[in-house]
Amino acid sequence: MQYMILIHSEPFDGPEPGTDAFDEMMAPWMAYNQKLIDGGHYVAADQLQGVETATTIRRAYGAGDTIVDGPFAETKEHFGGFYIVEAKDLDEALALAAEVPIPAGSLEVRPVVPS
């Protein structure tokens, strides 16, 4: 079964790509990606651009659509990226999510509805 791991973290200014500091910051992420690939769990993953680039379509019953700059909810944590993993059950998906190398934040794990 496939599960989505939604990564929510506080925004931070990281080092610039192409620097040693950036490579050092990314090393645990690259190792995690490789572990998922090697274990046959990797389906898809991506990082999202910052919330300042987001546009939300807000829809209300009978009121039509409103387009709003930014995310729908005001929170300290931002949805920054995701993984879709293949796991035998929720316990395995949670174990995989627990290894995501974010320094602080939350990881939401949800089953993907089969298409």
PDB file of N, CA and C in Angstrom:
ATOM      1  N   MET A   1       0.850  -1.176   0.000  1.00  0.00           N
ATOM      2  CA  MET A   1       0.000   0.000   0.000  1.00  0.00           C
ATOM      3  C   MET A   1       0.896   1.239   0.000  1.00  0.00           C
ATOM      4  N   GLN A   2       0.398   2.279  -0.623  1.00  0.00           N
ATOM      5  CA  GLN A   2       1.155   3.534  -0.650  1.00  0.00           C
ATOM      6  C   GLN A   2       0.671   4.476   0.444  1.00  0.00           C
ATOM      7  N   TYR A   3       1.642   5.190   1.018  1.00  0.00           N
ATOM      8  CA  TYR A   3       1.364   6.190   2.049  1.00  0.00           C
ATOM      9  C   TYR A   3       2.057   7.477   1.653  1.00  0.00           C
ATOM     10  N   MET A   4       1.423   8.602   1.980  1.00  0.00           N
ATOM     11  CA  MET A   4       2.056   9.900   1.771  1.00  0.00           C
ATOM     12  C   MET A   4       2.552  10.393   3.120  1.00  0.00           C
ATOM     13  N   ILE A   5       3.795  10.834   3.128  1.00  0.00           N
ATOM     14  CA  ILE A   5       4.388  11.463   4.308  1.00  0.00           C
ATOM     15  C   ILE A   5       4.459  12.953   4.004  1.00  0.00           C
ATOM     16  N   LEU A   6       3.638  13.741   4.692  1.00  0.00           N
ATOM     17  CA  LEU A   6       3.613  15.184   4.496  1.00  0.00           C
ATOM     18  C   LEU A   6       4.546  15.817   5.525  1.00  0.00           C
ATOM     19  N   ILE A   7       5.476  16.618   5.056  1.00  0.00           N
ATOM     20  CA  ILE A   7       6.503  17.193   5.919  1.00  0.00           C
ATOM     21  C   ILE A   7       6.139  18.642   6.232  1.00  0.00           C
ATOM     22  N   HIS A   8       5.912  18.903   7.520  1.00  0.00           N
ATOM     23  CA  HIS A   8       5.591  20.252   7.999  1.00  0.00           C
ATOM     24  C   HIS A   8       6.734  20.700   8.894  1.00  0.00           C
ATOM     25  N   SER A   9       7.300  21.859   8.589  1.00  0.00           N
ATOM     26  CA  SER A   9       8.387  22.355   9.425  1.00  0.00           C
ATOM     27  C   SER A   9       8.354  23.872   9.456  1.00  0.00           C
ATOM     28  N   GLU A  10       9.061  24.402  10.422  1.00  0.00           N
ATOM     29  CA  GLU A  10       9.180  25.852  10.487  1.00  0.00           C
ATOM     30  C   GLU A  10      10.115  26.312   9.378  1.00  0.00           C
ATOM     31  N   PRO A  11       9.812  27.434   8.749  1.00  0.00           N
ATOM     32  CA  PRO A  11      10.704  27.922   7.692  1.00  0.00           C
ATOM     33  C   PRO A  11      12.056  28.329   8.276  1.00  0.00           C
ATOM     34  N   PHE A  12      13.089  28.158   7.486  1.00  0.00           N
ATOM     35  CA  PHE A  12      14.420  28.565   7.922  1.00  0.00           C
ATOM     36  C   PHE A  12      15.226  28.966   6.699  1.00  0.00           C
ATOM     37  N   ASP A  13      16.211  29.804   6.931  1.00  0.00           N
ATOM     38  CA  ASP A  13      17.123  30.208   5.865  1.00  0.00           C
ATOM     39  C   ASP A  13      18.307  29.262   5.882  1.00  0.00           C
ATOM     40  N   GLY A  14      18.347  28.369   4.919  1.00  0.00           N
ATOM     41  CA  GLY A  14      19.439  27.410   4.839  1.00  0.00           C
ATOM     42  C   GLY A  14      20.574  27.951   4.009  1.00  0.00           C
ATOM     43  N   PRO A  15      21.651  27.200   3.968  1.00  0.00           N
ATOM     44  CA  PRO A  15      22.796  27.616   3.166  1.00  0.00           C
ATOM     45  C   PRO A  15      22.481  27.577   1.673  1.00  0.00           C
ATOM     46  N   GLU A  16      23.237  28.310   0.910  1.00  0.00           N
ATOM     47  CA  GLU A  16      23.045  28.392  -0.539  1.00  0.00           C
ATOM     48  C   GLU A  16      23.456  27.096  -1.228  1.00  0.00           C
ATOM     49  N   PRO A  17      22.659  26.643  -2.209  1.00  0.00           N
ATOM     50  CA  PRO A  17      23.060  25.469  -2.997  1.00  0.00           C
ATOM     51  C   PRO A  17      24.436  25.698  -3.621  1.00  0.00           C
ATOM     52  N   GLY A  18      25.209  24.614  -3.724  1.00  0.00           N
ATOM     53  CA  GLY A  18      26.539  24.701  -4.313  1.00  0.00           C
ATOM     54  C   GLY A  18      27.640  24.968  -3.300  1.00  0.00           C
ATOM     55  N   THR A  19      27.254  25.142  -2.031  1.00  0.00           N
ATOM     56  CA  THR A  19      28.262  25.374  -0.994  1.00  0.00           C
ATOM     57  C   THR A  19      28.469  24.086  -0.201  1.00  0.00           C
ATOM     58  N   ASP A  20      29.600  24.018   0.495  1.00  0.00           N
ATOM     59  CA  ASP A  20      29.865  22.860   1.353  1.00  0.00           C
ATOM     60  C   ASP A  20      28.815  22.745   2.448  1.00  0.00           C
ATOM     61  N   ALA A  21      28.378  23.876   2.980  1.00  0.00           N
ATOM     62  CA  ALA A  21      27.362  23.872   4.039  1.00  0.00           C
ATOM     63  C   ALA A  21      26.050  23.285   3.528  1.00  0.00           C
ATOM     64  N   PHE A  22      25.698  23.607   2.292  1.00  0.00           N
ATOM     65  CA  PHE A  22      24.472  23.061   1.699  1.00  0.00           C
ATOM     66  C   PHE A  22      24.607  21.551   1.531  1.00  0.00           C
ATOM     67  N   ASP A  23      25.751  21.107   1.003  1.00  0.00           N
ATOM     68  CA  ASP A  23      25.975  19.670   0.825  1.00  0.00           C
ATOM     69  C   ASP A  23      25.905  18.939   2.159  1.00  0.00           C
ATOM     70  N   GLU A  24      26.452  19.551   3.197  1.00  0.00           N
ATOM     71  CA  GLU A  24      26.407  18.960   4.536  1.00  0.00           C
ATOM     72  C   GLU A  24      24.966  18.865   5.044  1.00  0.00           C
ATOM     73  N   MET A  25      24.177  19.925   4.813  1.00  0.00           N
ATOM     74  CA  MET A  25      22.782  19.923   5.240  1.00  0.00           C
ATOM     75  C   MET A  25      21.978  18.857   4.497  1.00  0.00           C
ATOM     76  N   MET A  26      22.294  18.660   3.212  1.00  0.00           N
ATOM     77  CA  MET A  26      21.534  17.731   2.384  1.00  0.00           C
ATOM     78  C   MET A  26      21.954  16.271   2.549  1.00  0.00           C
ATOM     79  N   ALA A  27      23.119  16.013   3.115  1.00  0.00           N
ATOM     80  CA  ALA A  27      23.626  14.641   3.220  1.00  0.00           C
ATOM     81  C   ALA A  27      22.642  13.675   3.890  1.00  0.00           C
ATOM     82  N   PRO A  28      22.014  14.039   5.025  1.00  0.00           N
ATOM     83  CA  PRO A  28      21.071  13.098   5.623  1.00  0.00           C
ATOM     84  C   PRO A  28      19.842  12.846   4.735  1.00  0.00           C
ATOM     85  N   TRP A  29      19.445  13.877   3.986  1.00  0.00           N
ATOM     86  CA  TRP A  29      18.299  13.715   3.083  1.00  0.00           C
ATOM     87  C   TRP A  29      18.650  12.767   1.934  1.00  0.00           C
ATOM     88  N   MET A  30      19.839  12.907   1.390  1.00  0.00           N
ATOM     89  CA  MET A  30      20.257  12.034   0.300  1.00  0.00           C
ATOM     90  C   MET A  30      20.387  10.589   0.793  1.00  0.00           C
ATOM     91  N   ALA A  31      20.901  10.415   2.007  1.00  0.00           N
ATOM     92  CA  ALA A  31      21.018   9.079   2.593  1.00  0.00           C
ATOM     93  C   ALA A  31      19.629   8.477   2.825  1.00  0.00           C
ATOM     94  N   TYR A  32      18.691   9.296   3.295  1.00  0.00           N
ATOM     95  CA  TYR A  32      17.319   8.818   3.508  1.00  0.00           C
ATOM     96  C   TYR A  32      16.684   8.413   2.177  1.00  0.00           C
ATOM     97  N   ASN A  33      16.845   9.248   1.162  1.00  0.00           N
ATOM     98  CA  ASN A  33      16.306   8.913  -0.163  1.00  0.00           C
ATOM     99  C   ASN A  33      16.868   7.580  -0.645  1.00  0.00           C
ATOM    100  N   GLN A  34      18.174   7.393  -0.501  1.00  0.00           N
ATOM    101  CA  GLN A  34      18.802   6.163  -0.967  1.00  0.00           C
ATOM    102  C   GLN A  34      18.296   4.957  -0.188  1.00  0.00           C
ATOM    103  N   LYS A  35      18.069   5.130   1.112  1.00  0.00           N
ATOM    104  CA  LYS A  35      17.528   4.033   1.919  1.00  0.00           C
ATOM    105  C   LYS A  35      16.139   3.630   1.422  1.00  0.00           C
ATOM    106  N   LEU A  36      15.313   4.608   1.094  1.00  0.00           N
ATOM    107  CA  LEU A  36      13.983   4.298   0.562  1.00  0.00           C
ATOM    108  C   LEU A  36      14.095   3.563  -0.772  1.00  0.00           C
ATOM    109  N   ILE A  37      14.976   4.035  -1.637  1.00  0.00           N
ATOM    110  CA  ILE A  37      15.167   3.407  -2.952  1.00  0.00           C
ATOM    111  C   ILE A  37      15.669   1.983  -2.782  1.00  0.00           C
ATOM    112  N   ASP A  38      16.711   1.812  -1.977  1.00  0.00           N
ATOM    113  CA  ASP A  38      17.305   0.484  -1.770  1.00  0.00           C
ATOM    114  C   ASP A  38      16.309  -0.495  -1.157  1.00  0.00           C
ATOM    115  N   GLY A  39      15.422   0.005  -0.298  1.00  0.00           N
ATOM    116  CA  GLY A  39      14.444  -0.858   0.364  1.00  0.00           C
ATOM    117  C   GLY A  39      13.180  -1.104  -0.455  1.00  0.00           C
ATOM    118  N   GLY A  40      13.102  -0.495  -1.655  1.00  0.00           N
ATOM    119  CA  GLY A  40      11.916  -0.668  -2.490  1.00  0.00           C
ATOM    120  C   GLY A  40      10.708   0.115  -2.018  1.00  0.00           C
ATOM    121  N   HIS A  41      10.932   1.142  -1.187  1.00  0.00           N
ATOM    122  CA  HIS A  41       9.828   1.940  -0.643  1.00  0.00           C
ATOM    123  C   HIS A  41       9.558   3.219  -1.432  1.00  0.00           C
ATOM    124  N   TYR A  42      10.547   3.696  -2.163  1.00  0.00           N
ATOM    125  CA  TYR A  42      10.443   5.004  -2.826  1.00  0.00           C
ATOM    126  C   TYR A  42       9.448   4.959  -3.972  1.00  0.00           C
ATOM    127  N   VAL A  43       8.486   5.881  -3.961  1.00  0.00           N
ATOM    128  CA  VAL A  43       7.554   6.070  -5.079  1.00  0.00           C
ATOM    129  C   VAL A  43       7.767   7.457  -5.673  1.00  0.00           C
ATOM    130  N   ALA A  44       7.733   8.489  -4.833  1.00  0.00           N
ATOM    131  CA  ALA A  44       7.915   9.867  -5.304  1.00  0.00           C
ATOM    132  C   ALA A  44       8.244  10.752  -4.110  1.00  0.00           C
ATOM    133  N   ALA A  45       8.865  11.893  -4.396  1.00  0.00           N
ATOM    134  CA  ALA A  45       9.174  12.865  -3.346  1.00  0.00           C
ATOM    135  C   ALA A  45       9.497  14.188  -4.010  1.00  0.00           C
ATOM    136  N   ASP A  46       9.204  15.272  -3.326  1.00  0.00           N
ATOM    137  CA  ASP A  46       9.590  16.592  -3.801  1.00  0.00           C
ATOM    138  C   ASP A  46       9.531  17.593  -2.677  1.00  0.00           C
ATOM    139  N   GLN A  47      10.349  18.620  -2.827  1.00  0.00           N
ATOM    140  CA  GLN A  47      10.323  19.767  -1.935  1.00  0.00           C
ATOM    141  C   GLN A  47       9.447  20.816  -2.604  1.00  0.00           C
ATOM    142  N   LEU A  48       8.738  21.586  -1.796  1.00  0.00           N
ATOM    143  CA  LEU A  48       7.908  22.665  -2.328  1.00  0.00           C
ATOM    144  C   LEU A  48       8.611  23.999  -2.132  1.00  0.00           C
ATOM    145  N   GLN A  49       8.315  24.938  -2.995  1.00  0.00           N
ATOM    146  CA  GLN A  49       8.816  26.298  -2.796  1.00  0.00           C
ATOM    147  C   GLN A  49       8.113  26.891  -1.584  1.00  0.00           C
ATOM    148  N   GLY A  50       8.613  28.002  -1.081  1.00  0.00           N
ATOM    149  CA  GLY A  50       8.092  28.623   0.132  1.00  0.00           C
ATOM    150  C   GLY A  50       6.637  29.037   0.028  1.00  0.00           C
ATOM    151  N   VAL A  51       6.007  29.199   1.189  1.00  0.00           N
ATOM    152  CA  VAL A  51       4.593  29.566   1.226  1.00  0.00           C
ATOM    153  C   VAL A  51       4.334  30.917   0.574  1.00  0.00           C
ATOM    154  N   GLU A  52       5.357  31.759   0.481  1.00  0.00           N
ATOM    155  CA  GLU A  52       5.154  33.062  -0.169  1.00  0.00           C
ATOM    156  C   GLU A  52       4.851  32.902  -1.659  1.00  0.00           C
ATOM    157  N   THR A  53       5.086  31.723  -2.228  1.00  0.00           N
ATOM    158  CA  THR A  53       4.779  31.473  -3.644  1.00  0.00           C
ATOM    159  C   THR A  53       3.416  30.805  -3.821  1.00  0.00           C
ATOM    160  N   ALA A  54       2.751  30.478  -2.719  1.00  0.00           N
ATOM    161  CA  ALA A  54       1.490  29.729  -2.787  1.00  0.00           C
ATOM    162  C   ALA A  54       0.313  30.614  -3.169  1.00  0.00           C
ATOM    163  N   THR A  55      -0.627  30.020  -3.852  1.00  0.00           N
ATOM    164  CA  THR A  55      -1.916  30.638  -4.139  1.00  0.00           C
ATOM    165  C   THR A  55      -2.984  29.623  -3.755  1.00  0.00           C
ATOM    166  N   THR A  56      -3.985  30.065  -3.015  1.00  0.00           N
ATOM    167  CA  THR A  56      -5.047  29.187  -2.544  1.00  0.00           C
ATOM    168  C   THR A  56      -6.353  29.568  -3.222  1.00  0.00           C
ATOM    169  N   ILE A  57      -7.077  28.566  -3.687  1.00  0.00           N
ATOM    170  CA  ILE A  57      -8.449  28.775  -4.162  1.00  0.00           C
ATOM    171  C   ILE A  57      -9.358  28.384  -3.011  1.00  0.00           C
ATOM    172  N   ARG A  58     -10.053  29.346  -2.461  1.00  0.00           N
ATOM    173  CA  ARG A  58     -10.979  29.103  -1.356  1.00  0.00           C
ATOM    174  C   ARG A  58     -12.382  28.979  -1.939  1.00  0.00           C
ATOM    175  N   ARG A  59     -13.037  27.891  -1.616  1.00  0.00           N
ATOM    176  CA  ARG A  59     -14.371  27.609  -2.155  1.00  0.00           C
ATOM    177  C   ARG A  59     -15.343  27.458  -1.002  1.00  0.00           C
ATOM    178  N   ALA A  60     -16.466  28.165  -1.087  1.00  0.00           N
ATOM    179  CA  ALA A  60     -17.529  28.063  -0.087  1.00  0.00           C
ATOM    180  C   ALA A  60     -18.806  27.593  -0.775  1.00  0.00           C
ATOM    181  N   TYR A  61     -19.600  26.818  -0.053  1.00  0.00           N
ATOM    182  CA  TYR A  61     -20.861  26.340  -0.619  1.00  0.00           C
ATOM    183  C   TYR A  61     -21.699  27.501  -1.131  1.00  0.00           C
ATOM    184  N   GLY A  62     -22.035  27.462  -2.410  1.00  0.00           N
ATOM    185  CA  GLY A  62     -22.906  28.446  -3.015  1.00  0.00           C
ATOM    186  C   GLY A  62     -22.321  29.831  -3.184  1.00  0.00           C
ATOM    187  N   ALA A  63     -21.056  30.038  -2.830  1.00  0.00           N
ATOM    188  CA  ALA A  63     -20.486  31.387  -2.882  1.00  0.00           C
ATOM    189  C   ALA A  63     -19.437  31.537  -3.974  1.00  0.00           C
ATOM    190  N   GLY A  64     -19.086  30.466  -4.658  1.00  0.00           N
ATOM    191  CA  GLY A  64     -18.081  30.555  -5.703  1.00  0.00           C
ATOM    192  C   GLY A  64     -16.668  30.505  -5.147  1.00  0.00           C
ATOM    193  N   ASP A  65     -15.721  30.787  -6.009  1.00  0.00           N
ATOM    194  CA  ASP A  65     -14.307  30.695  -5.653  1.00  0.00           C
ATOM    195  C   ASP A  65     -13.717  32.067  -5.365  1.00  0.00           C
ATOM    196  N   THR A  66     -12.774  32.089  -4.435  1.00  0.00           N
ATOM    197  CA  THR A  66     -11.982  33.271  -4.149  1.00  0.00           C
ATOM    198  C   THR A  66     -10.518  32.847  -4.219  1.00  0.00           C
ATOM    199  N   ILE A  67      -9.714  33.605  -4.925  1.00  0.00           N
ATOM    200  CA  ILE A  67      -8.287  33.303  -5.028  1.00  0.00           C
ATOM    201  C   ILE A  67      -7.543  34.177  -4.032  1.00  0.00           C
ATOM    202  N   VAL A  68      -6.707  33.536  -3.195  1.00  0.00           N
ATOM    203  CA  VAL A  68      -6.012  34.210  -2.116  1.00  0.00           C
ATOM    204  C   VAL A  68      -4.525  33.903  -2.235  1.00  0.00           C
ATOM    205  N   ASP A  69      -3.681  34.920  -2.073  1.00  0.00           N
ATOM    206  CA  ASP A  69      -2.245  34.679  -2.028  1.00  0.00           C
ATOM    207  C   ASP A  69      -1.899  33.985  -0.729  1.00  0.00           C
ATOM    208  N   GLY A  70      -1.016  33.026  -0.803  1.00  0.00           N
ATOM    209  CA  GLY A  70      -0.520  32.351   0.387  1.00  0.00           C
ATOM    210  C   GLY A  70      -1.347  31.137   0.764  1.00  0.00           C
ATOM    211  N   PRO A  71      -0.953  30.498   1.854  1.00  0.00           N
ATOM    212  CA  PRO A  71      -1.629  29.284   2.293  1.00  0.00           C
ATOM    213  C   PRO A  71      -2.973  29.606   2.924  1.00  0.00           C
ATOM    214  N   PHE A  72      -3.809  28.598   3.020  1.00  0.00           N
ATOM    215  CA  PHE A  72      -5.151  28.753   3.576  1.00  0.00           C
ATOM    216  C   PHE A  72      -5.102  29.002   5.078  1.00  0.00           C
ATOM    217  N   ALA A  73      -4.256  28.267   5.780  1.00  0.00           N
ATOM    218  CA  ALA A  73      -4.224  28.354   7.238  1.00  0.00           C
ATOM    219  C   ALA A  73      -3.003  29.138   7.705  1.00  0.00           C
ATOM    220  N   GLU A  74      -3.177  29.881   8.774  1.00  0.00           N
ATOM    221  CA  GLU A  74      -2.058  30.584   9.402  1.00  0.00           C
ATOM    222  C   GLU A  74      -1.456  29.653  10.452  1.00  0.00           C
ATOM    223  N   THR A  75      -0.269  29.160  10.202  1.00  0.00           N
ATOM    224  CA  THR A  75       0.402  28.279  11.144  1.00  0.00           C
ATOM    225  C   THR A  75       1.877  28.626  11.196  1.00  0.00           C
ATOM    226  N   LYS A  76       2.547  28.182  12.251  1.00  0.00           N
ATOM    227  CA  LYS A  76       3.990  28.363  12.324  1.00  0.00           C
ATOM    228  C   LYS A  76       4.691  27.392  11.395  1.00  0.00           C
ATOM    229  N   GLU A  77       4.148  26.177  11.289  1.00  0.00           N
ATOM    230  CA  GLU A  77       4.741  25.165  10.433  1.00  0.00           C
ATOM    231  C   GLU A  77       4.166  25.284   9.027  1.00  0.00           C
ATOM    232  N   HIS A  78       4.987  24.993   8.051  1.00  0.00           N
ATOM    233  CA  HIS A  78       4.581  25.080   6.665  1.00  0.00           C
ATOM    234  C   HIS A  78       4.744  23.721   6.012  1.00  0.00           C
ATOM    235  N   PHE A  79       3.840  23.411   5.090  1.00  0.00           N
ATOM    236  CA  PHE A  79       3.949  22.179   4.325  1.00  0.00           C
ATOM    237  C   PHE A  79       5.079  22.381   3.331  1.00  0.00           C
ATOM    238  N   GLY A  80       6.187  21.695   3.557  1.00  0.00           N
ATOM    239  CA  GLY A  80       7.382  21.968   2.775  1.00  0.00           C
ATOM    240  C   GLY A  80       7.747  20.918   1.757  1.00  0.00           C
ATOM    241  N   GLY A  81       7.145  19.735   1.849  1.00  0.00           N
ATOM    242  CA  GLY A  81       7.471  18.685   0.907  1.00  0.00           C
ATOM    243  C   GLY A  81       6.771  17.398   1.282  1.00  0.00           C
ATOM    244  N   PHE A  82       7.041  16.364   0.503  1.00  0.00           N
ATOM    245  CA  PHE A  82       6.352  15.103   0.738  1.00  0.00           C
ATOM    246  C   PHE A  82       7.156  13.936   0.183  1.00  0.00           C
ATOM    247  N   TYR A  83       6.825  12.775   0.682  1.00  0.00           N
ATOM    248  CA  TYR A  83       7.261  11.505   0.120  1.00  0.00           C
ATOM    249  C   TYR A  83       6.012  10.667  -0.101  1.00  0.00           C
ATOM    250  N   ILE A  84       6.008   9.883  -1.135  1.00  0.00           N
ATOM    251  CA  ILE A  84       5.041   8.800  -1.277  1.00  0.00           C
ATOM    252  C   ILE A  84       5.863   7.528  -1.206  1.00  0.00           C
ATOM    253  N   VAL A  85       5.511   6.672  -0.257  1.00  0.00           N
ATOM    254  CA  VAL A  85       6.277   5.456  -0.030  1.00  0.00           C
ATOM    255  C   VAL A  85       5.376   4.233  -0.169  1.00  0.00           C
ATOM    256  N   GLU A  86       5.993   3.134  -0.484  1.00  0.00           N
ATOM    257  CA  GLU A  86       5.325   1.838  -0.519  1.00  0.00           C
ATOM    258  C   GLU A  86       5.659   1.150   0.798  1.00  0.00           C
ATOM    259  N   ALA A  87       4.635   0.743   1.535  1.00  0.00           N
ATOM    260  CA  ALA A  87       4.837   0.075   2.824  1.00  0.00           C
ATOM    261  C   ALA A  87       3.791  -1.013   2.991  1.00  0.00           C
ATOM    262  N   LYS A  88       4.148  -2.061   3.745  1.00  0.00           N
ATOM    263  CA  LYS A  88       3.218  -3.181   3.914  1.00  0.00           C
ATOM    264  C   LYS A  88       2.026  -2.808   4.788  1.00  0.00           C
ATOM    265  N   ASP A  89       2.222  -1.837   5.707  1.00  0.00           N
ATOM    266  CA  ASP A  89       1.136  -1.415   6.585  1.00  0.00           C
ATOM    267  C   ASP A  89       1.489  -0.065   7.213  1.00  0.00           C
ATOM    268  N   LEU A  90       0.575   0.453   8.023  1.00  0.00           N
ATOM    269  CA  LEU A  90       0.789   1.759   8.650  1.00  0.00           C
ATOM    270  C   LEU A  90       2.013   1.745   9.562  1.00  0.00           C
ATOM    271  N   ASP A  91       2.227   0.660  10.272  1.00  0.00           N
ATOM    272  CA  ASP A  91       3.389   0.596  11.164  1.00  0.00           C
ATOM    273  C   ASP A  91       4.694   0.781  10.395  1.00  0.00           C
ATOM    274  N   GLU A  92       4.806   0.135   9.235  1.00  0.00           N
ATOM    275  CA  GLU A  92       6.020   0.294   8.439  1.00  0.00           C
ATOM    276  C   GLU A  92       6.124   1.717   7.891  1.00  0.00           C
ATOM    277  N   ALA A  93       4.999   2.287   7.462  1.00  0.00           N
ATOM    278  CA  ALA A  93       4.999   3.665   6.961  1.00  0.00           C
ATOM    279  C   ALA A  93       5.419   4.640   8.057  1.00  0.00           C
ATOM    280  N   LEU A  94       4.941   4.424   9.273  1.00  0.00           N
ATOM    281  CA  LEU A  94       5.325   5.290  10.394  1.00  0.00           C
ATOM    282  C   LEU A  94       6.811   5.150  10.720  1.00  0.00           C
ATOM    283  N   ALA A  95       7.331   3.934  10.634  1.00  0.00           N
ATOM    284  CA  ALA A  95       8.754   3.718  10.869  1.00  0.00           C
ATOM    285  C   ALA A  95       9.593   4.442   9.821  1.00  0.00           C
ATOM    286  N   LEU A  96       9.147   4.408   8.560  1.00  0.00           N
ATOM    287  CA  LEU A  96       9.859   5.133   7.501  1.00  0.00           C
ATOM    288  C   LEU A  96       9.783   6.642   7.738  1.00  0.00           C
ATOM    289  N   ALA A  97       8.611   7.127   8.123  1.00  0.00           N
ATOM    290  CA  ALA A  97       8.431   8.560   8.364  1.00  0.00           C
ATOM    291  C   ALA A  97       9.284   9.034   9.533  1.00  0.00           C
ATOM    292  N   ALA A  98       9.431   8.205  10.538  1.00  0.00           N
ATOM    293  CA  ALA A  98      10.201   8.586  11.720  1.00  0.00           C
ATOM    294  C   ALA A  98      11.665   8.856  11.385  1.00  0.00           C
ATOM    295  N   GLU A  99      12.122   8.381  10.245  1.00  0.00           N
ATOM    296  CA  GLU A  99      13.514   8.587   9.847  1.00  0.00           C
ATOM    297  C   GLU A  99      13.716   9.807   8.952  1.00  0.00           C
ATOM    298  N   VAL A 100      12.643  10.528   8.605  1.00  0.00           N
ATOM    299  CA  VAL A 100      12.801  11.742   7.798  1.00  0.00           C
ATOM    300  C   VAL A 100      13.664  12.722   8.596  1.00  0.00           C
ATOM    301  N   PRO A 101      14.732  13.231   7.995  1.00  0.00           N
ATOM    302  CA  PRO A 101      15.707  14.012   8.771  1.00  0.00           C
ATOM    303  C   PRO A 101      15.373  15.488   8.969  1.00  0.00           C
ATOM    304  N   ILE A 102      14.132  15.811   9.366  1.00  0.00           N
ATOM    305  CA  ILE A 102      13.855  17.210   9.684  1.00  0.00           C
ATOM    306  C   ILE A 102      14.295  17.473  11.122  1.00  0.00           C
ATOM    307  N   PRO A 103      14.893  18.642  11.384  1.00  0.00           N
ATOM    308  CA  PRO A 103      15.352  18.924  12.744  1.00  0.00           C
ATOM    309  C   PRO A 103      14.201  19.243  13.694  1.00  0.00           C
ATOM    310  N   ALA A 104      13.103  19.794  13.184  1.00  0.00           N
ATOM    311  CA  ALA A 104      11.939  20.128  14.009  1.00  0.00           C
ATOM    312  C   ALA A 104      10.734  20.219  13.085  1.00  0.00           C
ATOM    313  N   GLY A 105       9.575  19.877  13.599  1.00  0.00           N
ATOM    314  CA  GLY A 105       8.361  19.954  12.798  1.00  0.00           C
ATOM    315  C   GLY A 105       7.483  18.757  13.057  1.00  0.00           C
ATOM    316  N   SER A 106       6.644  18.417  12.075  1.00  0.00           N
ATOM    317  CA  SER A 106       5.760  17.266  12.210  1.00  0.00           C
ATOM    318  C   SER A 106       5.664  16.533  10.885  1.00  0.00           C
ATOM    319  N   LEU A 107       5.366  15.265  10.996  1.00  0.00           N
ATOM    320  CA  LEU A 107       5.241  14.406   9.824  1.00  0.00           C
ATOM    321  C   LEU A 107       3.863  13.759   9.876  1.00  0.00           C
ATOM    322  N   GLU A 108       3.055  14.034   8.878  1.00  0.00           N
ATOM    323  CA  GLU A 108       1.724  13.455   8.798  1.00  0.00           C
ATOM    324  C   GLU A 108       1.778  12.290   7.819  1.00  0.00           C
ATOM    325  N   VAL A 109       1.271  11.141   8.218  1.00  0.00           N
ATOM    326  CA  VAL A 109       1.296   9.947   7.380  1.00  0.00           C
ATOM    327  C   VAL A 109      -0.140   9.558   7.067  1.00  0.00           C
ATOM    328  N   ARG A 110      -0.441   9.431   5.761  1.00  0.00           N
ATOM    329  CA  ARG A 110      -1.798   9.053   5.347  1.00  0.00           C
ATOM    330  C   ARG A 110      -1.739   8.025   4.235  1.00  0.00           C
ATOM    331  N   PRO A 111      -2.662   7.050   4.279  1.00  0.00           N
ATOM    332  CA  PRO A 111      -2.734   6.109   3.157  1.00  0.00           C
ATOM    333  C   PRO A 111      -3.222   6.824   1.906  1.00  0.00           C
ATOM    334  N   VAL A 112      -2.689   6.410   0.764  1.00  0.00           N
ATOM    335  CA  VAL A 112      -3.132   6.935  -0.523  1.00  0.00           C
ATOM    336  C   VAL A 112      -4.280   6.068  -1.002  1.00  0.00           C
ATOM    337  N   VAL A 113      -5.356   6.679  -1.464  1.00  0.00           N
ATOM    338  CA  VAL A 113      -6.482   5.926  -2.000  1.00  0.00           C
ATOM    339  C   VAL A 113      -6.049   5.312  -3.333  1.00  0.00           C
ATOM    340  N   PRO A 114      -6.121   3.991  -3.460  1.00  0.00           N
ATOM    341  CA  PRO A 114      -5.708   3.367  -4.722  1.00  0.00           C
ATOM    342  C   PRO A 114      -6.561   3.871  -5.887  1.00  0.00           C
ATOM    343  N   SER A 115      -5.912   4.073  -7.040  1.00  0.00           N
ATOM    344  CA  SER A 115      -6.672   4.559  -8.192  1.00  0.00           C
ATOM    345  C   SER A 115      -7.119   3.411  -9.059  1.00  0.00           C
TER     346      SER A 115
END
